[in-house]
Amino acid sequence: GMINLTDMAEKETAAEILLEAKGFTDVVVSISGTMVDVVVNASTLTDAQRAQIEDIVKRKTEVGAENIVITLMKLEE
């Protein structure tokens, strides 16, 4: 019900804020069921950055790394 949606939105926002604090810009985190989609404004990510994103998202959403999908989308200036 509504409680779950609010809870999910809070987790999404918390993950986004933390990722942006780590230097990732225009991050969008969306939780759908057991999957989490993360869209990052970047043309490339290092393995370390990818691991950092997964780590933050895992902690904030309690979803396993295998269910986290990271998509890169380079936004034009």
Protein backbone atom coordinates (compact mmCIF):
# COMPACT_ATOMS: atom_id res chain seq x y z
CA GLY A 1 0.00 0.00 0.00
CA MET A 2 0.93 3.63 0.47
CA ILE A 3 3.43 2.97 3.25
CA ASN A 4 5.54 0.85 0.91
CA LEU A 5 5.54 3.48 -1.81
CA THR A 6 6.61 6.19 0.64
CA ASP A 7 9.27 3.90 2.04
CA MET A 8 10.56 3.15 -1.47
CA ALA A 9 10.61 6.82 -2.44
CA GLU A 10 12.58 7.62 0.73
CA LYS A 11 15.11 4.89 -0.07
CA GLU A 12 15.46 6.12 -3.65
CA THR A 13 16.01 9.69 -2.47
CA ALA A 14 18.48 8.65 0.23
CA ALA A 15 20.53 6.68 -2.31
CA GLU A 16 20.46 9.56 -4.81
CA ILE A 17 21.60 12.11 -2.20
CA LEU A 18 24.46 9.88 -1.06
CA LEU A 19 25.57 9.14 -4.63
CA GLU A 20 25.55 12.83 -5.50
CA ALA A 21 27.55 13.55 -2.35
CA LYS A 22 30.15 11.10 -3.69
CA GLY A 23 30.44 13.11 -6.89
CA PHE A 24 28.01 11.33 -9.22
CA THR A 25 25.74 13.90 -10.88
CA ASP A 26 22.10 13.73 -11.94
CA VAL A 27 21.64 10.26 -10.49
CA VAL A 28 18.21 8.68 -10.70
CA VAL A 29 17.49 5.62 -8.55
CA SER A 30 14.27 3.71 -9.15
CA ILE A 31 13.20 0.66 -7.21
CA SER A 32 10.76 -1.71 -8.90
CA GLY A 33 9.99 -4.80 -6.90
CA THR A 34 13.28 -6.59 -6.26
CA MET A 35 15.21 -4.64 -8.92
CA VAL A 36 16.89 -1.28 -8.65
CA ASP A 37 17.69 0.83 -11.70
CA VAL A 38 20.40 3.45 -11.36
CA VAL A 39 20.89 6.00 -14.12
CA VAL A 40 24.13 7.97 -13.90
CA ASN A 41 25.13 11.02 -15.93
CA ALA A 42 28.48 9.70 -17.19
CA SER A 43 29.94 8.33 -20.41
CA THR A 44 32.13 5.81 -18.58
CA LEU A 45 32.53 4.40 -15.08
CA THR A 46 35.58 2.75 -13.58
CA ASP A 47 35.12 -0.61 -11.83
CA ALA A 48 35.76 1.22 -8.56
CA GLN A 49 33.00 3.74 -9.26
CA ARG A 50 30.61 0.96 -10.27
CA ALA A 51 31.42 -0.90 -7.04
CA GLN A 52 30.88 2.28 -5.04
CA ILE A 53 27.48 2.85 -6.64
CA GLU A 54 26.46 -0.76 -5.97
CA ASP A 55 27.66 -0.51 -2.37
CA ILE A 56 25.68 2.66 -1.66
CA VAL A 57 22.55 1.39 -3.40
CA LYS A 58 22.79 -1.95 -1.56
CA ARG A 59 23.04 -0.22 1.80
CA LYS A 60 20.23 2.25 1.17
CA THR A 61 17.76 -0.04 -0.61
CA GLU A 62 18.73 -3.44 0.86
CA VAL A 63 18.78 -4.96 -2.62
CA GLY A 64 21.56 -7.35 -3.66
CA ALA A 65 24.20 -6.27 -6.19
CA GLU A 66 22.95 -8.85 -8.71
CA ASN A 67 19.62 -6.95 -8.80
CA ILE A 68 21.15 -3.52 -9.37
CA VAL A 69 21.22 -2.32 -12.97
CA ILE A 70 23.47 0.67 -13.69
CA THR A 71 22.79 2.63 -16.87
CA LEU A 72 25.07 5.37 -18.16
CA MET A 73 23.47 8.31 -19.86
CA LYS A 74 25.70 11.19 -20.81
CA LEU A 75 23.58 14.32 -20.70
CA GLU A 76 24.48 17.10 -23.09
CA GLU A 77 25.60 20.32 -21.44
